[in-house]
């Protein structure tokens, strides 16, 4: 066996152990987040700081604006697209009679 083969054999188990540890850390983070949400729901105190309230308000304002734009697009497509007539052109302003021959 060469030295290169021994080094590769030693690093392979460590790589899989690192992946398992990373997956366990990720699972622990999700479990901590879930426990935090459940404890907030049980205490009926969802917002613990002013930043929570502000971020919640900004999030729902954003969602409201997106829904409003979607509704406007749907109204525009459903109500105005069925009219195939060209809009009537009319003059804007006044006639300058001084330019007439």
PDB file of N, CA and C in Angstrom:
ATOM      1  N   UNK A   1       0.828  -1.183   0.000  1.00  0.00           N
ATOM      2  CA  UNK A   1       0.000   0.000   0.000  1.00  0.00           C
ATOM      3  C   UNK A   1       0.873   1.247   0.000  1.00  0.00           C
ATOM      4  N   UNK A   2       0.446   2.220  -0.748  1.00  0.00           N
ATOM      5  CA  UNK A   2       1.209   3.455  -0.820  1.00  0.00           C
ATOM      6  C   UNK A   2       0.729   4.421   0.237  1.00  0.00           C
ATOM      7  N   UNK A   3       1.493   5.470   0.470  1.00  0.00           N
ATOM      8  CA  UNK A   3       1.134   6.489   1.465  1.00  0.00           C
ATOM      9  C   UNK A   3      -0.116   7.237   1.035  1.00  0.00           C
ATOM     10  N   UNK A   4      -0.274   7.472  -0.246  1.00  0.00           N
ATOM     11  CA  UNK A   4      -1.434   8.193  -0.775  1.00  0.00           C
ATOM     12  C   UNK A   4      -2.725   7.422  -0.492  1.00  0.00           C
ATOM     13  N   UNK A   5      -2.674   6.084  -0.646  1.00  0.00           N
ATOM     14  CA  UNK A   5      -3.846   5.262  -0.384  1.00  0.00           C
ATOM     15  C   UNK A   5      -4.203   5.271   1.099  1.00  0.00           C
ATOM     16  N   UNK A   6      -3.219   5.295   1.955  1.00  0.00           N
ATOM     17  CA  UNK A   6      -3.469   5.319   3.401  1.00  0.00           C
ATOM     18  C   UNK A   6      -4.111   6.647   3.798  1.00  0.00           C
ATOM     19  N   UNK A   7      -3.665   7.745   3.215  1.00  0.00           N
ATOM     20  CA  UNK A   7      -4.243   9.057   3.526  1.00  0.00           C
ATOM     21  C   UNK A   7      -5.690   9.129   3.079  1.00  0.00           C
ATOM     22  N   UNK A   8      -5.978   8.609   1.879  1.00  0.00           N
ATOM     23  CA  UNK A   8      -7.355   8.618   1.390  1.00  0.00           C
ATOM     24  C   UNK A   8      -8.249   7.730   2.240  1.00  0.00           C
ATOM     25  N   UNK A   9      -7.755   6.601   2.684  1.00  0.00           N
ATOM     26  CA  UNK A   9      -8.548   5.695   3.507  1.00  0.00           C
ATOM     27  C   UNK A   9      -8.862   6.329   4.854  1.00  0.00           C
ATOM     28  N   UNK A  10      -7.929   7.129   5.372  1.00  0.00           N
ATOM     29  CA  UNK A  10      -8.158   7.767   6.667  1.00  0.00           C
ATOM     30  C   UNK A  10      -9.144   8.923   6.570  1.00  0.00           C
ATOM     31  N   UNK A  11      -9.181   9.640   5.439  1.00  0.00           N
ATOM     32  CA  UNK A  11     -10.057  10.809   5.335  1.00  0.00           C
ATOM     33  C   UNK A  11     -11.488  10.440   4.998  1.00  0.00           C
ATOM     34  N   UNK A  12     -11.718   9.313   4.384  1.00  0.00           N
ATOM     35  CA  UNK A  12     -13.082   8.946   4.004  1.00  0.00           C
ATOM     36  C   UNK A  12     -14.007   8.786   5.204  1.00  0.00           C
ATOM     37  N   UNK A  13     -13.625   8.068   6.265  1.00  0.00           N
ATOM     38  CA  UNK A  13     -14.540   7.980   7.406  1.00  0.00           C
ATOM     39  C   UNK A  13     -14.760   9.323   8.070  1.00  0.00           C
ATOM     40  N   UNK A  14     -13.768  10.182   8.090  1.00  0.00           N
ATOM     41  CA  UNK A  14     -13.917  11.496   8.707  1.00  0.00           C
ATOM     42  C   UNK A  14     -14.888  12.373   7.928  1.00  0.00           C
ATOM     43  N   UNK A  15     -14.889  12.250   6.591  1.00  0.00           N
ATOM     44  CA  UNK A  15     -15.816  13.034   5.774  1.00  0.00           C
ATOM     45  C   UNK A  15     -17.253  12.617   6.044  1.00  0.00           C
ATOM     46  N   UNK A  16     -17.497  11.311   6.145  1.00  0.00           N
ATOM     47  CA  UNK A  16     -18.862  10.861   6.419  1.00  0.00           C
ATOM     48  C   UNK A  16     -19.260  11.223   7.837  1.00  0.00           C
ATOM     49  N   UNK A  17     -18.336  11.205   8.777  1.00  0.00           N
ATOM     50  CA  UNK A  17     -18.632  11.610  10.155  1.00  0.00           C
ATOM     51  C   UNK A  17     -18.965  13.084  10.201  1.00  0.00           C
ATOM     52  N   UNK A  18     -18.267  13.897   9.413  1.00  0.00           N
ATOM     53  CA  UNK A  18     -18.563  15.328   9.352  1.00  0.00           C
ATOM     54  C   UNK A  18     -19.935  15.597   8.772  1.00  0.00           C
ATOM     55  N   UNK A  19     -20.318  14.819   7.766  1.00  0.00           N
ATOM     56  CA  UNK A  19     -21.636  14.992   7.165  1.00  0.00           C
ATOM     57  C   UNK A  19     -22.722  14.607   8.149  1.00  0.00           C
ATOM     58  N   UNK A  20     -22.484  13.534   8.913  1.00  0.00           N
ATOM     59  CA  UNK A  20     -23.464  13.112   9.922  1.00  0.00           C
ATOM     60  C   UNK A  20     -23.579  14.172  11.011  1.00  0.00           C
ATOM     61  N   UNK A  21     -22.460  14.729  11.414  1.00  0.00           N
ATOM     62  CA  UNK A  21     -22.479  15.775  12.457  1.00  0.00           C
ATOM     63  C   UNK A  21     -23.195  17.023  11.956  1.00  0.00           C
ATOM     64  N   UNK A  22     -22.981  17.381  10.701  1.00  0.00           N
ATOM     65  CA  UNK A  22     -23.654  18.547  10.138  1.00  0.00           C
ATOM     66  C   UNK A  22     -25.155  18.308  10.064  1.00  0.00           C
ATOM     67  N   UNK A  23     -25.551  17.102   9.698  1.00  0.00           N
ATOM     68  CA  UNK A  23     -26.977  16.776   9.635  1.00  0.00           C
ATOM     69  C   UNK A  23     -27.590  16.793  11.035  1.00  0.00           C
ATOM     70  N   UNK A  24     -26.858  16.315  12.032  1.00  0.00           N
ATOM     71  CA  UNK A  24     -27.359  16.334  13.403  1.00  0.00           C
ATOM     72  C   UNK A  24     -27.475  17.765  13.914  1.00  0.00           C
ATOM     73  N   UNK A  25     -26.511  18.621  13.557  1.00  0.00           N
ATOM     74  CA  UNK A  25     -26.584  20.029  13.950  1.00  0.00           C
ATOM     75  C   UNK A  25     -27.787  20.708  13.313  1.00  0.00           C
ATOM     76  N   UNK A  26     -28.022  20.414  12.049  1.00  0.00           N
ATOM     77  CA  UNK A  26     -29.171  20.988  11.352  1.00  0.00           C
ATOM     78  C   UNK A  26     -30.468  20.501  11.983  1.00  0.00           C
ATOM     79  N   UNK A  27     -30.537  19.220  12.313  1.00  0.00           N
ATOM     80  CA  UNK A  27     -31.729  18.665  12.958  1.00  0.00           C
ATOM     81  C   UNK A  27     -31.931  19.307  14.329  1.00  0.00           C
ATOM     82  N   UNK A  28     -30.855  19.534  15.064  1.00  0.00           N
ATOM     83  CA  UNK A  28     -30.947  20.178  16.379  1.00  0.00           C
ATOM     84  C   UNK A  28     -31.419  21.622  16.242  1.00  0.00           C
ATOM     85  N   UNK A  29     -30.955  22.330  15.215  1.00  0.00           N
ATOM     86  CA  UNK A  29     -31.401  23.706  14.983  1.00  0.00           C
ATOM     87  C   UNK A  29     -32.894  23.752  14.678  1.00  0.00           C
ATOM     88  N   UNK A  30     -33.360  22.831  13.811  1.00  0.00           N
ATOM     89  CA  UNK A  30     -34.795  22.782  13.511  1.00  0.00           C
ATOM     90  C   UNK A  30     -35.613  22.459  14.755  1.00  0.00           C
ATOM     91  N   UNK A  31     -35.111  21.555  15.565  1.00  0.00           N
ATOM     92  CA  UNK A  31     -35.833  21.187  16.779  1.00  0.00           C
ATOM     93  C   UNK A  31     -35.880  22.378  17.745  1.00  0.00           C
ATOM     94  N   UNK A  32     -34.799  23.125  17.848  1.00  0.00           N
ATOM     95  CA  UNK A  32     -34.788  24.315  18.707  1.00  0.00           C
ATOM     96  C   UNK A  32     -35.764  25.368  18.210  1.00  0.00           C
ATOM     97  N   UNK A  33     -35.793  25.585  16.897  1.00  0.00           N
ATOM     98  CA  UNK A  33     -36.735  26.545  16.312  1.00  0.00           C
ATOM     99  C   UNK A  33     -38.173  26.116  16.574  1.00  0.00           C
ATOM    100  N   UNK A  34     -38.455  24.834  16.366  1.00  0.00           N
ATOM    101  CA  UNK A  34     -39.808  24.319  16.583  1.00  0.00           C
ATOM    102  C   UNK A  34     -40.209  24.469  18.050  1.00  0.00           C
ATOM    103  N   UNK A  35     -39.301  24.148  18.964  1.00  0.00           N
ATOM    104  CA  UNK A  35     -39.601  24.286  20.396  1.00  0.00           C
ATOM    105  C   UNK A  35     -39.839  25.744  20.764  1.00  0.00           C
ATOM    106  N   UNK A  36     -39.101  26.660  20.151  1.00  0.00           N
ATOM    107  CA  UNK A  36     -39.289  28.085  20.408  1.00  0.00           C
ATOM    108  C   UNK A  36     -40.672  28.545  19.950  1.00  0.00           C
ATOM    109  N   UNK A  37     -41.090  28.104  18.760  1.00  0.00           N
ATOM    110  CA  UNK A  37     -42.409  28.472  18.240  1.00  0.00           C
ATOM    111  C   UNK A  37     -43.508  27.895  19.124  1.00  0.00           C
ATOM    112  N   UNK A  38     -43.364  26.633  19.519  1.00  0.00           N
ATOM    113  CA  UNK A  38     -44.377  26.000  20.366  1.00  0.00           C
ATOM    114  C   UNK A  38     -44.462  26.700  21.714  1.00  0.00           C
ATOM    115  N   UNK A  39     -43.339  27.063  22.299  1.00  0.00           N
ATOM    116  CA  UNK A  39     -43.371  27.746  23.600  1.00  0.00           C
ATOM    117  C   UNK A  39     -44.003  29.134  23.486  1.00  0.00           C
ATOM    118  N   UNK A  40     -43.769  29.824  22.360  1.00  0.00           N
ATOM    119  CA  UNK A  40     -44.409  31.133  22.166  1.00  0.00           C
ATOM    120  C   UNK A  40     -45.920  30.986  22.007  1.00  0.00           C
ATOM    121  N   UNK A  41     -46.336  29.944  21.290  1.00  0.00           N
ATOM    122  CA  UNK A  41     -47.775  29.712  21.120  1.00  0.00           C
ATOM    123  C   UNK A  41     -48.434  29.344  22.442  1.00  0.00           C
ATOM    124  N   UNK A  42     -47.754  28.561  23.260  1.00  0.00           N
ATOM    125  CA  UNK A  42     -48.326  28.165  24.544  1.00  0.00           C
ATOM    126  C   UNK A  42     -48.416  29.336  25.509  1.00  0.00           C
ATOM    127  N   UNK A  43     -47.440  30.239  25.447  1.00  0.00           N
ATOM    128  CA  UNK A  43     -47.455  31.399  26.349  1.00  0.00           C
ATOM    129  C   UNK A  43     -48.320  32.526  25.803  1.00  0.00           C
ATOM    130  N   UNK A  44     -48.816  32.369  24.556  1.00  0.00           N
ATOM    131  CA  UNK A  44     -49.638  33.381  23.880  1.00  0.00           C
ATOM    132  C   UNK A  44     -48.927  34.734  23.816  1.00  0.00           C
ATOM    133  N   UNK A  45     -47.629  34.695  23.718  1.00  0.00           N
ATOM    134  CA  UNK A  45     -46.815  35.910  23.590  1.00  0.00           C
ATOM    135  C   UNK A  45     -45.934  35.732  22.351  1.00  0.00           C
ATOM    136  N   UNK A  46     -46.556  35.976  21.177  1.00  0.00           N
ATOM    137  CA  UNK A  46     -45.848  35.739  19.933  1.00  0.00           C
ATOM    138  C   UNK A  46     -44.747  36.759  19.681  1.00  0.00           C
ATOM    139  N   UNK A  47     -44.973  37.995  20.064  1.00  0.00           N
ATOM    140  CA  UNK A  47     -44.013  39.061  19.791  1.00  0.00           C
ATOM    141  C   UNK A  47     -43.310  39.425  21.094  1.00  0.00           C
ATOM    142  N   UNK A  48     -42.024  39.181  21.137  1.00  0.00           N
ATOM    143  CA  UNK A  48     -41.286  39.429  22.360  1.00  0.00           C
ATOM    144  C   UNK A  48     -40.493  40.729  22.314  1.00  0.00           C
ATOM    145  N   UNK A  49     -40.442  41.356  21.150  1.00  0.00           N
ATOM    146  CA  UNK A  49     -39.721  42.629  21.054  1.00  0.00           C
ATOM    147  C   UNK A  49     -40.397  43.505  19.997  1.00  0.00           C
ATOM    148  N   UNK A  50     -39.973  44.759  19.981  1.00  0.00           N
ATOM    149  CA  UNK A  50     -40.504  45.683  18.977  1.00  0.00           C
ATOM    150  C   UNK A  50     -40.087  45.279  17.564  1.00  0.00           C
ATOM    151  N   UNK A  51     -38.903  44.666  17.445  1.00  0.00           N
ATOM    152  CA  UNK A  51     -38.437  44.229  16.132  1.00  0.00           C
ATOM    153  C   UNK A  51     -39.325  43.124  15.577  1.00  0.00           C
ATOM    154  N   UNK A  52     -39.843  42.256  16.446  1.00  0.00           N
ATOM    155  CA  UNK A  52     -40.753  41.214  15.983  1.00  0.00           C
ATOM    156  C   UNK A  52     -42.020  41.823  15.406  1.00  0.00           C
ATOM    157  N   UNK A  53     -42.552  42.812  16.076  1.00  0.00           N
ATOM    158  CA  UNK A  53     -43.779  43.473  15.620  1.00  0.00           C
ATOM    159  C   UNK A  53     -43.526  44.194  14.299  1.00  0.00           C
ATOM    160  N   UNK A  54     -42.401  44.896  14.206  1.00  0.00           N
ATOM    161  CA  UNK A  54     -42.086  45.644  12.987  1.00  0.00           C
ATOM    162  C   UNK A  54     -41.882  44.705  11.800  1.00  0.00           C
ATOM    163  N   UNK A  55     -41.165  43.624  11.999  1.00  0.00           N
ATOM    164  CA  UNK A  55     -40.930  42.699  10.891  1.00  0.00           C
ATOM    165  C   UNK A  55     -42.233  42.013  10.472  1.00  0.00           C
ATOM    166  N   UNK A  56     -43.098  41.719  11.422  1.00  0.00           N
ATOM    167  CA  UNK A  56     -44.394  41.122  11.115  1.00  0.00           C
ATOM    168  C   UNK A  56     -45.235  42.092  10.291  1.00  0.00           C
ATOM    169  N   UNK A  57     -45.248  43.359  10.672  1.00  0.00           N
ATOM    170  CA  UNK A  57     -46.029  44.364   9.935  1.00  0.00           C
ATOM    171  C   UNK A  57     -45.478  44.558   8.523  1.00  0.00           C
ATOM    172  N   UNK A  58     -44.173  44.649   8.384  1.00  0.00           N
ATOM    173  CA  UNK A  58     -43.557  44.838   7.066  1.00  0.00           C
ATOM    174  C   UNK A  58     -43.838  43.631   6.175  1.00  0.00           C
ATOM    175  N   UNK A  59     -43.778  42.443   6.745  1.00  0.00           N
ATOM    176  CA  UNK A  59     -44.065  41.226   5.974  1.00  0.00           C
ATOM    177  C   UNK A  59     -45.498  41.242   5.451  1.00  0.00           C
ATOM    178  N   UNK A  60     -46.466  41.597   6.295  1.00  0.00           N
ATOM    179  CA  UNK A  60     -47.850  41.585   5.839  1.00  0.00           C
ATOM    180  C   UNK A  60     -48.166  42.748   4.905  1.00  0.00           C
ATOM    181  N   UNK A  61     -47.486  43.866   5.029  1.00  0.00           N
ATOM    182  CA  UNK A  61     -47.653  44.948   4.053  1.00  0.00           C
ATOM    183  C   UNK A  61     -47.140  44.488   2.692  1.00  0.00           C
ATOM    184  N   UNK A  62     -46.003  43.808   2.671  1.00  0.00           N
ATOM    185  CA  UNK A  62     -45.453  43.292   1.418  1.00  0.00           C
ATOM    186  C   UNK A  62     -46.415  42.287   0.783  1.00  0.00           C
ATOM    187  N   UNK A  63     -46.912  41.351   1.577  1.00  0.00           N
ATOM    188  CA  UNK A  63     -47.852  40.349   1.054  1.00  0.00           C
ATOM    189  C   UNK A  63     -49.116  41.031   0.535  1.00  0.00           C
ATOM    190  N   UNK A  64     -49.614  42.040   1.243  1.00  0.00           N
ATOM    191  CA  UNK A  64     -50.796  42.773   0.800  1.00  0.00           C
ATOM    192  C   UNK A  64     -50.575  43.470  -0.524  1.00  0.00           C
ATOM    193  N   UNK A  65     -49.421  44.079  -0.700  1.00  0.00           N
ATOM    194  CA  UNK A  65     -49.117  44.760  -1.963  1.00  0.00           C
ATOM    195  C   UNK A  65     -49.019  43.765  -3.124  1.00  0.00           C
ATOM    196  N   UNK A  66     -48.400  42.632  -2.886  1.00  0.00           N
ATOM    197  CA  UNK A  66     -48.298  41.617  -3.936  1.00  0.00           C
ATOM    198  C   UNK A  66     -49.690  41.126  -4.328  1.00  0.00           C
ATOM    199  N   UNK A  67     -50.546  40.866  -3.344  1.00  0.00           N
ATOM    200  CA  UNK A  67     -51.908  40.427  -3.643  1.00  0.00           C
ATOM    201  C   UNK A  67     -52.696  41.501  -4.381  1.00  0.00           C
ATOM    202  N   UNK A  68     -52.521  42.768  -4.001  1.00  0.00           N
ATOM    203  CA  UNK A  68     -53.193  43.857  -4.696  1.00  0.00           C
ATOM    204  C   UNK A  68     -52.760  43.925  -6.152  1.00  0.00           C
ATOM    205  N   UNK A  69     -51.465  43.802  -6.413  1.00  0.00           N
ATOM    206  CA  UNK A  69     -50.980  43.830  -7.796  1.00  0.00           C
ATOM    207  C   UNK A  69     -51.504  42.640  -8.603  1.00  0.00           C
ATOM    208  N   UNK A  70     -51.569  41.477  -7.981  1.00  0.00           N
ATOM    209  CA  UNK A  70     -52.102  40.298  -8.677  1.00  0.00           C
ATOM    210  C   UNK A  70     -53.571  40.516  -9.019  1.00  0.00           C
ATOM    211  N   UNK A  71     -54.340  41.070  -8.089  1.00  0.00           N
ATOM    212  CA  UNK A  71     -55.755  41.350  -8.345  1.00  0.00           C
ATOM    213  C   UNK A  71     -55.909  42.357  -9.472  1.00  0.00           C
ATOM    214  N   UNK A  72     -55.082  43.399  -9.486  1.00  0.00           N
ATOM    215  CA  UNK A  72     -55.146  44.391 -10.560  1.00  0.00           C
ATOM    216  C   UNK A  72     -54.811  43.780 -11.918  1.00  0.00           C
ATOM    217  N   UNK A  73     -53.834  42.902 -11.958  1.00  0.00           N
ATOM    218  CA  UNK A  73     -53.474  42.233 -13.216  1.00  0.00           C
ATOM    219  C   UNK A  73     -54.617  41.343 -13.684  1.00  0.00           C
ATOM    220  N   UNK A  74     -55.230  40.629 -12.762  1.00  0.00           N
ATOM    221  CA  UNK A  74     -56.348  39.756 -13.136  1.00  0.00           C
ATOM    222  C   UNK A  74     -57.517  40.584 -13.656  1.00  0.00           C
ATOM    223  N   UNK A  75     -57.817  41.702 -12.998  1.00  0.00           N
ATOM    224  CA  UNK A  75     -58.896  42.573 -13.462  1.00  0.00           C
ATOM    225  C   UNK A  75     -58.577  43.121 -14.848  1.00  0.00           C
ATOM    226  N   UNK A  76     -57.351  43.547 -15.060  1.00  0.00           N
ATOM    227  CA  UNK A  76     -56.943  44.095 -16.358  1.00  0.00           C
ATOM    228  C   UNK A  76     -57.065  43.037 -17.455  1.00  0.00           C
ATOM    229  N   UNK A  77     -56.623  41.827 -17.183  1.00  0.00           N
ATOM    230  CA  UNK A  77     -56.674  40.768 -18.196  1.00  0.00           C
ATOM    231  C   UNK A  77     -58.100  40.310 -18.471  1.00  0.00           C
ATOM    232  N   UNK A  78     -58.901  40.195 -17.450  1.00  0.00           N
ATOM    233  CA  UNK A  78     -60.255  39.661 -17.630  1.00  0.00           C
ATOM    234  C   UNK A  78     -61.217  40.703 -18.201  1.00  0.00           C
ATOM    235  N   UNK A  79     -61.096  41.947 -17.799  1.00  0.00           N
ATOM    236  CA  UNK A  79     -62.083  42.951 -18.186  1.00  0.00           C
ATOM    237  C   UNK A  79     -61.691  43.746 -19.429  1.00  0.00           C
ATOM    238  N   UNK A  80     -60.420  43.968 -19.647  1.00  0.00           N
ATOM    239  CA  UNK A  80     -60.019  44.875 -20.722  1.00  0.00           C
ATOM    240  C   UNK A  80     -59.475  44.162 -21.951  1.00  0.00           C
ATOM    241  N   UNK A  81     -59.098  42.935 -21.858  1.00  0.00           N
ATOM    242  CA  UNK A  81     -58.523  42.241 -23.006  1.00  0.00           C
ATOM    243  C   UNK A  81     -59.582  41.779 -23.995  1.00  0.00           C
ATOM    244  N   UNK A  82     -60.822  41.652 -23.558  1.00  0.00           N
ATOM    245  CA  UNK A  82     -61.856  41.161 -24.458  1.00  0.00           C
ATOM    246  C   UNK A  82     -62.308  42.250 -25.436  1.00  0.00           C
ATOM    247  N   UNK A  83     -61.925  43.466 -25.198  1.00  0.00           N
ATOM    248  CA  UNK A  83     -62.285  44.567 -26.096  1.00  0.00           C
ATOM    249  C   UNK A  83     -61.219  44.663 -27.180  1.00  0.00           C
ATOM    250  N   UNK A  84     -61.547  44.216 -28.396  1.00  0.00           N
ATOM    251  CA  UNK A  84     -60.582  44.250 -29.485  1.00  0.00           C
ATOM    252  C   UNK A  84     -60.635  45.547 -30.277  1.00  0.00           C
ATOM    253  N   UNK A  85     -61.549  46.424 -29.916  1.00  0.00           N
ATOM    254  CA  UNK A  85     -61.670  47.699 -30.629  1.00  0.00           C
ATOM    255  C   UNK A  85     -60.486  48.592 -30.309  1.00  0.00           C
ATOM    256  N   UNK A  86     -60.080  49.345 -31.333  1.00  0.00           N
ATOM    257  CA  UNK A  86     -59.035  50.319 -31.089  1.00  0.00           C
ATOM    258  C   UNK A  86     -59.667  51.536 -30.434  1.00  0.00           C
ATOM    259  N   UNK A  87     -58.952  52.152 -29.509  1.00  0.00           N
ATOM    260  CA  UNK A  87     -59.536  53.332 -28.875  1.00  0.00           C
ATOM    261  C   UNK A  87     -59.669  54.469 -29.884  1.00  0.00           C
ATOM    262  N   UNK A  88     -60.733  55.223 -29.760  1.00  0.00           N
ATOM    263  CA  UNK A  88     -60.973  56.341 -30.674  1.00  0.00           C
ATOM    264  C   UNK A  88     -59.976  57.450 -30.379  1.00  0.00           C
ATOM    265  N   UNK A  89     -59.372  57.927 -31.468  1.00  0.00           N
ATOM    266  CA  UNK A  89     -58.414  59.022 -31.323  1.00  0.00           C
ATOM    267  C   UNK A  89     -59.161  60.339 -31.474  1.00  0.00           C
ATOM    268  N   UNK A  90     -58.889  61.245 -30.603  1.00  0.00           N
ATOM    269  CA  UNK A  90     -59.488  62.572 -30.739  1.00  0.00           C
ATOM    270  C   UNK A  90     -58.396  63.608 -30.523  1.00  0.00           C
ATOM    271  N   UNK A  91     -58.620  64.756 -31.059  1.00  0.00           N
ATOM    272  CA  UNK A  91     -57.629  65.823 -30.961  1.00  0.00           C
ATOM    273  C   UNK A  91     -57.573  66.344 -29.541  1.00  0.00           C
ATOM    274  N   UNK A  92     -56.377  66.678 -29.175  1.00  0.00           N
ATOM    275  CA  UNK A  92     -56.171  67.276 -27.866  1.00  0.00           C
ATOM    276  C   UNK A  92     -55.693  68.696 -28.094  1.00  0.00           C
ATOM    277  N   UNK A  93     -56.277  69.616 -27.410  1.00  0.00           N
ATOM    278  CA  UNK A  93     -55.874  71.023 -27.553  1.00  0.00           C
ATOM    279  C   UNK A  93     -56.792  71.774 -28.459  1.00  0.00           C
ATOM    280  N   UNK A  94     -56.287  72.915 -28.969  1.00  0.00           N
ATOM    281  CA  UNK A  94     -57.099  73.763 -29.842  1.00  0.00           C
ATOM    282  C   UNK A  94     -56.481  73.819 -31.230  1.00  0.00           C
ATOM    283  N   UNK A  95     -57.307  74.137 -32.205  1.00  0.00           N
ATOM    284  CA  UNK A  95     -56.807  74.306 -33.576  1.00  0.00           C
ATOM    285  C   UNK A  95     -56.201  75.687 -33.713  1.00  0.00           C
ATOM    286  N   UNK A  96     -55.033  75.754 -34.328  1.00  0.00           N
ATOM    287  CA  UNK A  96     -54.379  77.026 -34.608  1.00  0.00           C
ATOM    288  C   UNK A  96     -54.784  77.431 -36.029  1.00  0.00           C
ATOM    289  N   UNK A  97     -55.723  78.294 -36.109  1.00  0.00           N
ATOM    290  CA  UNK A  97     -56.243  78.701 -37.408  1.00  0.00           C
ATOM    291  C   UNK A  97     -55.235  79.584 -38.171  1.00  0.00           C
ATOM    292  N   UNK A  98     -54.246  80.100 -37.491  1.00  0.00           N
ATOM    293  CA  UNK A  98     -53.247  80.940 -38.157  1.00  0.00           C
ATOM    294  C   UNK A  98     -52.363  80.134 -39.082  1.00  0.00           C
ATOM    295  N   UNK A  99     -52.254  78.832 -38.893  1.00  0.00           N
ATOM    296  CA  UNK A  99     -51.443  77.986 -39.739  1.00  0.00           C
ATOM    297  C   UNK A  99     -52.183  77.548 -41.004  1.00  0.00           C
ATOM    298  N   UNK A 100     -53.486  77.739 -41.074  1.00  0.00           N
ATOM    299  CA  UNK A 100     -54.258  77.309 -42.223  1.00  0.00           C
ATOM    300  C   UNK A 100     -54.026  78.271 -43.377  1.00  0.00           C
ATOM    301  N   UNK A 101     -53.928  77.803 -44.632  1.00  0.00           N
ATOM    302  CA  UNK A 101     -53.678  78.716 -45.775  1.00  0.00           C
ATOM    303  C   UNK A 101     -54.895  79.526 -46.129  1.00  0.00           C
TER     304      UNK A 101
END
